[in-house]
Amino acid sequence: MPQFLDHHPTAHATLTEESVEELRKHIRVETPDDFGVKWLSVYVAANGEGYCISEAPNAEAVVKSHELMGYLIETTDVIEVASLT
C-alpha cells in the first residue's frame, strides 16, 4: 500500500487534549477507515505545523479521511513517500 505524508500549516492552533486523544485512537486502529486509509503517525513541529503519515490507496483518500476527522486539507498538501528503511 502506498504511503503518504500530509502537511497542516496551523496544526497546533487546532489541537486540544480531546482532539489529540481522538487522533491517538485513530492511529491505534488496526484496520483502514472507510476510505482505505490507515493512519500511521502524526507529528507536530516546534513551529506549530503538523504532519501525518498514512497508508492509503491515493491522495484523495487521505483528504477524505482527514475530512471525516474534521481536518480540511487539499490534495496539494499530500505527497506520496517511500521509507528508506
PDB file of N, CA and C in Angstrom:
ATOM      1  N   MET A   1       0.861  -1.181   0.000  1.00  0.00           N
ATOM      2  CA  MET A   1       0.000   0.000   0.000  1.00  0.00           C
ATOM      3  C   MET A   1       0.899   1.234   0.000  1.00  0.00           C
ATOM      4  N   PRO A   2       0.599   2.217  -0.839  1.00  0.00           N
ATOM      5  CA  PRO A   2       1.399   3.446  -0.855  1.00  0.00           C
ATOM      6  C   PRO A   2       1.295   4.194   0.471  1.00  0.00           C
ATOM      7  N   GLN A   3       2.359   4.934   0.800  1.00  0.00           N
ATOM      8  CA  GLN A   3       2.359   5.769   1.996  1.00  0.00           C
ATOM      9  C   GLN A   3       2.357   7.233   1.580  1.00  0.00           C
ATOM     10  N   PHE A   4       1.718   8.054   2.411  1.00  0.00           N
ATOM     11  CA  PHE A   4       1.580   9.475   2.115  1.00  0.00           C
ATOM     12  C   PHE A   4       1.958  10.306   3.335  1.00  0.00           C
ATOM     13  N   LEU A   5       2.533  11.471   3.053  1.00  0.00           N
ATOM     14  CA  LEU A   5       2.838  12.480   4.055  1.00  0.00           C
ATOM     15  C   LEU A   5       1.967  13.683   3.740  1.00  0.00           C
ATOM     16  N   ASP A   6       1.249  14.169   4.737  1.00  0.00           N
ATOM     17  CA  ASP A   6       0.457  15.377   4.501  1.00  0.00           C
ATOM     18  C   ASP A   6       0.842  16.449   5.503  1.00  0.00           C
ATOM     19  N   HIS A   7       0.569  17.677   5.112  1.00  0.00           N
ATOM     20  CA  HIS A   7       1.036  18.853   5.851  1.00  0.00           C
ATOM     21  C   HIS A   7      -0.143  19.699   6.316  1.00  0.00           C
ATOM     22  N   HIS A   8      -0.050  20.150   7.567  1.00  0.00           N
ATOM     23  CA  HIS A   8      -1.047  21.046   8.161  1.00  0.00           C
ATOM     24  C   HIS A   8      -0.307  22.283   8.667  1.00  0.00           C
ATOM     25  N   PRO A   9      -0.406  23.416   7.983  1.00  0.00           N
ATOM     26  CA  PRO A   9       0.376  24.591   8.371  1.00  0.00           C
ATOM     27  C   PRO A   9       0.046  25.145   9.755  1.00  0.00           C
ATOM     28  N   THR A  10      -1.154  24.929  10.251  1.00  0.00           N
ATOM     29  CA  THR A  10      -1.546  25.503  11.541  1.00  0.00           C
ATOM     30  C   THR A  10      -2.078  24.440  12.491  1.00  0.00           C
ATOM     31  N   ALA A  11      -1.448  23.305  12.519  1.00  0.00           N
ATOM     32  CA  ALA A  11      -1.958  22.181  13.324  1.00  0.00           C
ATOM     33  C   ALA A  11      -2.052  22.509  14.806  1.00  0.00           C
ATOM     34  N   HIS A  12      -1.042  23.149  15.355  1.00  0.00           N
ATOM     35  CA  HIS A  12      -1.003  23.383  16.795  1.00  0.00           C
ATOM     36  C   HIS A  12      -2.198  24.213  17.264  1.00  0.00           C
ATOM     37  N   ALA A  13      -2.634  25.148  16.437  1.00  0.00           N
ATOM     38  CA  ALA A  13      -3.738  26.029  16.826  1.00  0.00           C
ATOM     39  C   ALA A  13      -5.052  25.272  16.981  1.00  0.00           C
ATOM     40  N   THR A  14      -5.200  24.133  16.325  1.00  0.00           N
ATOM     41  CA  THR A  14      -6.474  23.409  16.366  1.00  0.00           C
ATOM     42  C   THR A  14      -6.468  22.220  17.322  1.00  0.00           C
ATOM     43  N   LEU A  15      -5.347  21.956  17.965  1.00  0.00           N
ATOM     44  CA  LEU A  15      -5.262  20.771  18.819  1.00  0.00           C
ATOM     45  C   LEU A  15      -5.666  21.075  20.253  1.00  0.00           C
ATOM     46  N   THR A  16      -6.576  20.263  20.754  1.00  0.00           N
ATOM     47  CA  THR A  16      -6.958  20.298  22.162  1.00  0.00           C
ATOM     48  C   THR A  16      -6.575  18.942  22.749  1.00  0.00           C
ATOM     49  N   GLU A  17      -6.666  18.802  24.049  1.00  0.00           N
ATOM     50  CA  GLU A  17      -6.386  17.497  24.659  1.00  0.00           C
ATOM     51  C   GLU A  17      -7.316  16.429  24.102  1.00  0.00           C
ATOM     52  N   GLU A  18      -8.573  16.801  23.898  1.00  0.00           N
ATOM     53  CA  GLU A  18      -9.549  15.852  23.378  1.00  0.00           C
ATOM     54  C   GLU A  18      -9.218  15.450  21.934  1.00  0.00           C
ATOM     55  N   SER A  19      -8.833  16.424  21.109  1.00  0.00           N
ATOM     56  CA  SER A  19      -8.535  16.098  19.712  1.00  0.00           C
ATOM     57  C   SER A  19      -7.263  15.260  19.600  1.00  0.00           C
ATOM     58  N   VAL A  20      -6.295  15.500  20.485  1.00  0.00           N
ATOM     59  CA  VAL A  20      -5.079  14.685  20.494  1.00  0.00           C
ATOM     60  C   VAL A  20      -5.424  13.243  20.846  1.00  0.00           C
ATOM     61  N   GLU A  21      -6.290  13.048  21.830  1.00  0.00           N
ATOM     62  CA  GLU A  21      -6.689  11.690  22.203  1.00  0.00           C
ATOM     63  C   GLU A  21      -7.455  11.014  21.071  1.00  0.00           C
ATOM     64  N   GLU A  22      -8.310  11.745  20.361  1.00  0.00           N
ATOM     65  CA  GLU A  22      -9.021  11.178  19.210  1.00  0.00           C
ATOM     66  C   GLU A  22      -8.035  10.755  18.121  1.00  0.00           C
ATOM     67  N   LEU A  23      -7.021  11.570  17.876  1.00  0.00           N
ATOM     68  CA  LEU A  23      -6.001  11.202  16.889  1.00  0.00           C
ATOM     69  C   LEU A  23      -5.261   9.942  17.320  1.00  0.00           C
ATOM     70  N   ARG A  24      -4.916   9.850  18.589  1.00  0.00           N
ATOM     71  CA  ARG A  24      -4.237   8.641  19.096  1.00  0.00           C
ATOM     72  C   ARG A  24      -5.096   7.404  18.900  1.00  0.00           C
ATOM     73  N   LYS A  25      -6.384   7.511  19.178  1.00  0.00           N
ATOM     74  CA  LYS A  25      -7.302   6.378  18.983  1.00  0.00           C
ATOM     75  C   LYS A  25      -7.355   5.980  17.513  1.00  0.00           C
ATOM     76  N   HIS A  26      -7.412   6.976  16.639  1.00  0.00           N
ATOM     77  CA  HIS A  26      -7.488   6.714  15.198  1.00  0.00           C
ATOM     78  C   HIS A  26      -6.227   6.006  14.706  1.00  0.00           C
ATOM     79  N   ILE A  27      -5.090   6.381  15.244  1.00  0.00           N
ATOM     80  CA  ILE A  27      -3.821   5.758  14.846  1.00  0.00           C
ATOM     81  C   ILE A  27      -3.741   4.315  15.350  1.00  0.00           C
ATOM     82  N   ARG A  28      -4.282   4.045  16.529  1.00  0.00           N
ATOM     83  CA  ARG A  28      -4.205   2.696  17.103  1.00  0.00           C
ATOM     84  C   ARG A  28      -5.114   1.683  16.407  1.00  0.00           C
ATOM     85  N   VAL A  29      -6.079   2.154  15.638  1.00  0.00           N
ATOM     86  CA  VAL A  29      -6.988   1.257  14.933  1.00  0.00           C
ATOM     87  C   VAL A  29      -6.189   0.425  13.938  1.00  0.00           C
ATOM     88  N   GLU A  30      -6.421  -0.870  13.936  1.00  0.00           N
ATOM     89  CA  GLU A  30      -5.645  -1.777  13.081  1.00  0.00           C
ATOM     90  C   GLU A  30      -6.161  -1.866  11.659  1.00  0.00           C
ATOM     91  N   THR A  31      -7.409  -1.484  11.437  1.00  0.00           N
ATOM     92  CA  THR A  31      -7.983  -1.627  10.106  1.00  0.00           C
ATOM     93  C   THR A  31      -8.128  -0.259   9.443  1.00  0.00           C
ATOM     94  N   PRO A  32      -8.040  -0.215   8.119  1.00  0.00           N
ATOM     95  CA  PRO A  32      -8.230   1.060   7.412  1.00  0.00           C
ATOM     96  C   PRO A  32      -9.649   1.596   7.608  1.00  0.00           C
ATOM     97  N   ASP A  33      -9.794   2.900   7.455  1.00  0.00           N
ATOM     98  CA  ASP A  33     -11.117   3.519   7.589  1.00  0.00           C
ATOM     99  C   ASP A  33     -11.937   3.308   6.320  1.00  0.00           C
ATOM    100  N   ASP A  34     -13.061   3.973   6.220  1.00  0.00           N
ATOM    101  CA  ASP A  34     -13.980   3.803   5.092  1.00  0.00           C
ATOM    102  C   ASP A  34     -13.362   4.174   3.748  1.00  0.00           C
ATOM    103  N   PHE A  35     -12.277   4.938   3.769  1.00  0.00           N
ATOM    104  CA  PHE A  35     -11.618   5.369   2.532  1.00  0.00           C
ATOM    105  C   PHE A  35     -10.369   4.541   2.231  1.00  0.00           C
ATOM    106  N   GLY A  36     -10.117   3.512   3.049  1.00  0.00           N
ATOM    107  CA  GLY A  36      -8.943   2.665   2.850  1.00  0.00           C
ATOM    108  C   GLY A  36      -7.679   3.236   3.438  1.00  0.00           C
ATOM    109  N   VAL A  37      -7.811   4.197   4.351  1.00  0.00           N
ATOM    110  CA  VAL A  37      -6.658   4.887   4.926  1.00  0.00           C
ATOM    111  C   VAL A  37      -6.363   4.336   6.311  1.00  0.00           C
ATOM    112  N   LYS A  38      -5.101   4.033   6.545  1.00  0.00           N
ATOM    113  CA  LYS A  38      -4.598   3.644   7.872  1.00  0.00           C
ATOM    114  C   LYS A  38      -3.614   4.716   8.304  1.00  0.00           C
ATOM    115  N   TRP A  39      -3.965   5.460   9.325  1.00  0.00           N
ATOM    116  CA  TRP A  39      -3.070   6.500   9.843  1.00  0.00           C
ATOM    117  C   TRP A  39      -1.952   5.819  10.616  1.00  0.00           C
ATOM    118  N   LEU A  40      -0.718   6.172  10.306  1.00  0.00           N
ATOM    119  CA  LEU A  40       0.436   5.550  10.955  1.00  0.00           C
ATOM    120  C   LEU A  40       1.024   6.419  12.062  1.00  0.00           C
ATOM    121  N   SER A  41       1.095   7.720  11.829  1.00  0.00           N
ATOM    122  CA  SER A  41       1.653   8.607  12.842  1.00  0.00           C
ATOM    123  C   SER A  41       1.277  10.049  12.534  1.00  0.00           C
ATOM    124  N   VAL A  42       1.263  10.872  13.579  1.00  0.00           N
ATOM    125  CA  VAL A  42       1.021  12.305  13.460  1.00  0.00           C
ATOM    126  C   VAL A  42       2.124  13.017  14.223  1.00  0.00           C
ATOM    127  N   TYR A  43       2.680  14.043  13.601  1.00  0.00           N
ATOM    128  CA  TYR A  43       3.760  14.817  14.210  1.00  0.00           C
ATOM    129  C   TYR A  43       3.369  16.281  14.257  1.00  0.00           C
ATOM    130  N   VAL A  44       3.737  16.962  15.340  1.00  0.00           N
ATOM    131  CA  VAL A  44       3.571  18.406  15.438  1.00  0.00           C
ATOM    132  C   VAL A  44       4.964  18.991  15.618  1.00  0.00           C
ATOM    133  N   ALA A  45       5.336  19.900  14.712  1.00  0.00           N
ATOM    134  CA  ALA A  45       6.654  20.524  14.742  1.00  0.00           C
ATOM    135  C   ALA A  45       6.696  21.649  15.771  1.00  0.00           C
ATOM    136  N   ALA A  46       7.892  22.040  16.152  1.00  0.00           N
ATOM    137  CA  ALA A  46       8.068  23.108  17.132  1.00  0.00           C
ATOM    138  C   ALA A  46       7.442  24.421  16.654  1.00  0.00           C
ATOM    139  N   ASN A  47       7.350  24.615  15.347  1.00  0.00           N
ATOM    140  CA  ASN A  47       6.759  25.845  14.807  1.00  0.00           C
ATOM    141  C   ASN A  47       5.236  25.772  14.711  1.00  0.00           C
ATOM    142  N   GLY A  48       4.627  24.673  15.175  1.00  0.00           N
ATOM    143  CA  GLY A  48       3.178  24.534  15.196  1.00  0.00           C
ATOM    144  C   GLY A  48       2.587  23.839  13.988  1.00  0.00           C
ATOM    145  N   GLU A  49       3.402  23.538  12.983  1.00  0.00           N
ATOM    146  CA  GLU A  49       2.904  22.831  11.812  1.00  0.00           C
ATOM    147  C   GLU A  49       2.733  21.355  12.137  1.00  0.00           C
ATOM    148  N   GLY A  50       1.826  20.694  11.412  1.00  0.00           N
ATOM    149  CA  GLY A  50       1.578  19.280  11.638  1.00  0.00           C
ATOM    150  C   GLY A  50       1.834  18.462  10.390  1.00  0.00           C
ATOM    151  N   TYR A  51       2.178  17.193  10.609  1.00  0.00           N
ATOM    152  CA  TYR A  51       2.451  16.262   9.524  1.00  0.00           C
ATOM    153  C   TYR A  51       1.864  14.910   9.905  1.00  0.00           C
ATOM    154  N   CYS A  52       1.221  14.250   8.949  1.00  0.00           N
ATOM    155  CA  CYS A  52       0.672  12.919   9.175  1.00  0.00           C
ATOM    156  C   CYS A  52       1.274  11.960   8.159  1.00  0.00           C
ATOM    157  N   ILE A  53       1.488  10.731   8.593  1.00  0.00           N
ATOM    158  CA  ILE A  53       1.916   9.675   7.689  1.00  0.00           C
ATOM    159  C   ILE A  53       0.823   8.613   7.712  1.00  0.00           C
ATOM    160  N   SER A  54       0.421   8.198   6.507  1.00  0.00           N
ATOM    161  CA  SER A  54      -0.639   7.201   6.414  1.00  0.00           C
ATOM    162  C   SER A  54      -0.393   6.279   5.230  1.00  0.00           C
ATOM    163  N   GLU A  55      -1.057   5.136   5.274  1.00  0.00           N
ATOM    164  CA  GLU A  55      -1.121   4.239   4.128  1.00  0.00           C
ATOM    165  C   GLU A  55      -2.489   4.451   3.510  1.00  0.00           C
ATOM    166  N   ALA A  56      -2.525   4.578   2.188  1.00  0.00           N
ATOM    167  CA  ALA A  56      -3.798   4.850   1.531  1.00  0.00           C
ATOM    168  C   ALA A  56      -3.720   4.465   0.061  1.00  0.00           C
ATOM    169  N   PRO A  57      -4.876   4.257  -0.555  1.00  0.00           N
ATOM    170  CA  PRO A  57      -4.867   3.932  -1.980  1.00  0.00           C
ATOM    171  C   PRO A  57      -4.410   5.103  -2.846  1.00  0.00           C
ATOM    172  N   ASN A  58      -4.688   6.354  -2.390  1.00  0.00           N
ATOM    173  CA  ASN A  58      -4.308   7.536  -3.165  1.00  0.00           C
ATOM    174  C   ASN A  58      -4.459   8.789  -2.288  1.00  0.00           C
ATOM    175  N   ALA A  59      -4.014   9.925  -2.824  1.00  0.00           N
ATOM    176  CA  ALA A  59      -4.056  11.184  -2.078  1.00  0.00           C
ATOM    177  C   ALA A  59      -5.490  11.625  -1.787  1.00  0.00           C
ATOM    178  N   GLU A  60      -6.392  11.359  -2.705  1.00  0.00           N
ATOM    179  CA  GLU A  60      -7.788  11.750  -2.495  1.00  0.00           C
ATOM    180  C   GLU A  60      -8.384  11.040  -1.282  1.00  0.00           C
ATOM    181  N   ALA A  61      -8.014   9.786  -1.079  1.00  0.00           N
ATOM    182  CA  ALA A  61      -8.498   9.050   0.091  1.00  0.00           C
ATOM    183  C   ALA A  61      -7.972   9.680   1.379  1.00  0.00           C
ATOM    184  N   VAL A  62      -6.733  10.148   1.353  1.00  0.00           N
ATOM    185  CA  VAL A  62      -6.147  10.814   2.532  1.00  0.00           C
ATOM    186  C   VAL A  62      -6.943  12.076   2.848  1.00  0.00           C
ATOM    187  N   VAL A  63      -7.268  12.861   1.832  1.00  0.00           N
ATOM    188  CA  VAL A  63      -8.054  14.082   2.030  1.00  0.00           C
ATOM    189  C   VAL A  63      -9.419  13.749   2.632  1.00  0.00           C
ATOM    190  N   LYS A  64     -10.102  12.746   2.094  1.00  0.00           N
ATOM    191  CA  LYS A  64     -11.423  12.364   2.599  1.00  0.00           C
ATOM    192  C   LYS A  64     -11.357  11.845   4.032  1.00  0.00           C
ATOM    193  N   SER A  65     -10.302  11.089   4.355  1.00  0.00           N
ATOM    194  CA  SER A  65     -10.134  10.582   5.711  1.00  0.00           C
ATOM    195  C   SER A  65      -9.946  11.735   6.695  1.00  0.00           C
ATOM    196  N   HIS A  66      -9.162  12.725   6.293  1.00  0.00           N
ATOM    197  CA  HIS A  66      -8.973  13.895   7.146  1.00  0.00           C
ATOM    198  C   HIS A  66     -10.288  14.651   7.341  1.00  0.00           C
ATOM    199  N   GLU A  67     -11.046  14.799   6.272  1.00  0.00           N
ATOM    200  CA  GLU A  67     -12.339  15.490   6.375  1.00  0.00           C
ATOM    201  C   GLU A  67     -13.248  14.785   7.371  1.00  0.00           C
ATOM    202  N   LEU A  68     -13.239  13.446   7.339  1.00  0.00           N
ATOM    203  CA  LEU A  68     -14.043  12.666   8.272  1.00  0.00           C
ATOM    204  C   LEU A  68     -13.674  12.987   9.723  1.00  0.00           C
ATOM    205  N   MET A  69     -12.397  13.287   9.956  1.00  0.00           N
ATOM    206  CA  MET A  69     -11.918  13.613  11.304  1.00  0.00           C
ATOM    207  C   MET A  69     -12.038  15.110  11.622  1.00  0.00           C
ATOM    208  N   GLY A  70     -12.497  15.910  10.640  1.00  0.00           N
ATOM    209  CA  GLY A  70     -12.671  17.341  10.874  1.00  0.00           C
ATOM    210  C   GLY A  70     -11.462  18.185  10.528  1.00  0.00           C
ATOM    211  N   TYR A  71     -10.510  17.626   9.776  1.00  0.00           N
ATOM    212  CA  TYR A  71      -9.306  18.361   9.371  1.00  0.00           C
ATOM    213  C   TYR A  71      -9.342  18.548   7.862  1.00  0.00           C
ATOM    214  N   LEU A  72      -9.414  19.791   7.424  1.00  0.00           N
ATOM    215  CA  LEU A  72      -9.526  20.074   5.998  1.00  0.00           C
ATOM    216  C   LEU A  72      -8.147  20.282   5.387  1.00  0.00           C
ATOM    217  N   ILE A  73      -7.835  19.472   4.385  1.00  0.00           N
ATOM    218  CA  ILE A  73      -6.612  19.616   3.613  1.00  0.00           C
ATOM    219  C   ILE A  73      -6.959  19.447   2.140  1.00  0.00           C
ATOM    220  N   GLU A  74      -6.049  19.840   1.287  1.00  0.00           N
ATOM    221  CA  GLU A  74      -6.208  19.704  -0.160  1.00  0.00           C
ATOM    222  C   GLU A  74      -5.270  18.607  -0.657  1.00  0.00           C
ATOM    223  N   THR A  75      -5.532  18.090  -1.832  1.00  0.00           N
ATOM    224  CA  THR A  75      -4.627  17.068  -2.383  1.00  0.00           C
ATOM    225  C   THR A  75      -3.226  17.628  -2.589  1.00  0.00           C
ATOM    226  N   THR A  76      -3.089  18.944  -2.731  1.00  0.00           N
ATOM    227  CA  THR A  76      -1.755  19.546  -2.866  1.00  0.00           C
ATOM    228  C   THR A  76      -0.972  19.507  -1.554  1.00  0.00           C
ATOM    229  N   ASP A  77      -1.654  19.224  -0.445  1.00  0.00           N
ATOM    230  CA  ASP A  77      -0.999  19.086   0.864  1.00  0.00           C
ATOM    231  C   ASP A  77      -0.512  17.662   1.105  1.00  0.00           C
ATOM    232  N   VAL A  78      -0.763  16.753   0.155  1.00  0.00           N
ATOM    233  CA  VAL A  78      -0.489  15.328   0.322  1.00  0.00           C
ATOM    234  C   VAL A  78       0.512  14.878  -0.735  1.00  0.00           C
ATOM    235  N   ILE A  79       1.600  14.218  -0.282  1.00  0.00           N
ATOM    236  CA  ILE A  79       2.569  13.687  -1.238  1.00  0.00           C
ATOM    237  C   ILE A  79       2.836  12.218  -0.924  1.00  0.00           C
ATOM    238  N   GLU A  80       3.044  11.439  -1.959  1.00  0.00           N
ATOM    239  CA  GLU A  80       3.395  10.036  -1.777  1.00  0.00           C
ATOM    240  C   GLU A  80       4.861   9.961  -1.395  1.00  0.00           C
ATOM    241  N   VAL A  81       5.177   9.118  -0.410  1.00  0.00           N
ATOM    242  CA  VAL A  81       6.550   8.959   0.066  1.00  0.00           C
ATOM    243  C   VAL A  81       6.885   7.478   0.170  1.00  0.00           C
ATOM    244  N   ALA A  82       8.171   7.197   0.269  1.00  0.00           N
ATOM    245  CA  ALA A  82       8.638   5.824   0.469  1.00  0.00           C
ATOM    246  C   ALA A  82       9.729   5.843   1.542  1.00  0.00           C
ATOM    247  N   SER A  83       9.649   4.926   2.460  1.00  0.00           N
ATOM    248  CA  SER A  83      10.640   4.814   3.522  1.00  0.00           C
ATOM    249  C   SER A  83      11.937   4.208   2.963  1.00  0.00           C
ATOM    250  N   LEU A  84      13.045   4.699   3.446  1.00  0.00           N
ATOM    251  CA  LEU A  84      14.347   4.157   3.056  1.00  0.00           C
ATOM    252  C   LEU A  84      14.816   3.071   4.002  1.00  0.00           C
ATOM    253  N   THR A  85      14.005   2.760   5.026  1.00  0.00           N
ATOM    254  CA  THR A  85      14.403   1.715   5.978  1.00  0.00           C
ATOM    255  C   THR A  85      13.730   0.414   5.658  1.00  0.00           C
TER     256      THR A  85
END
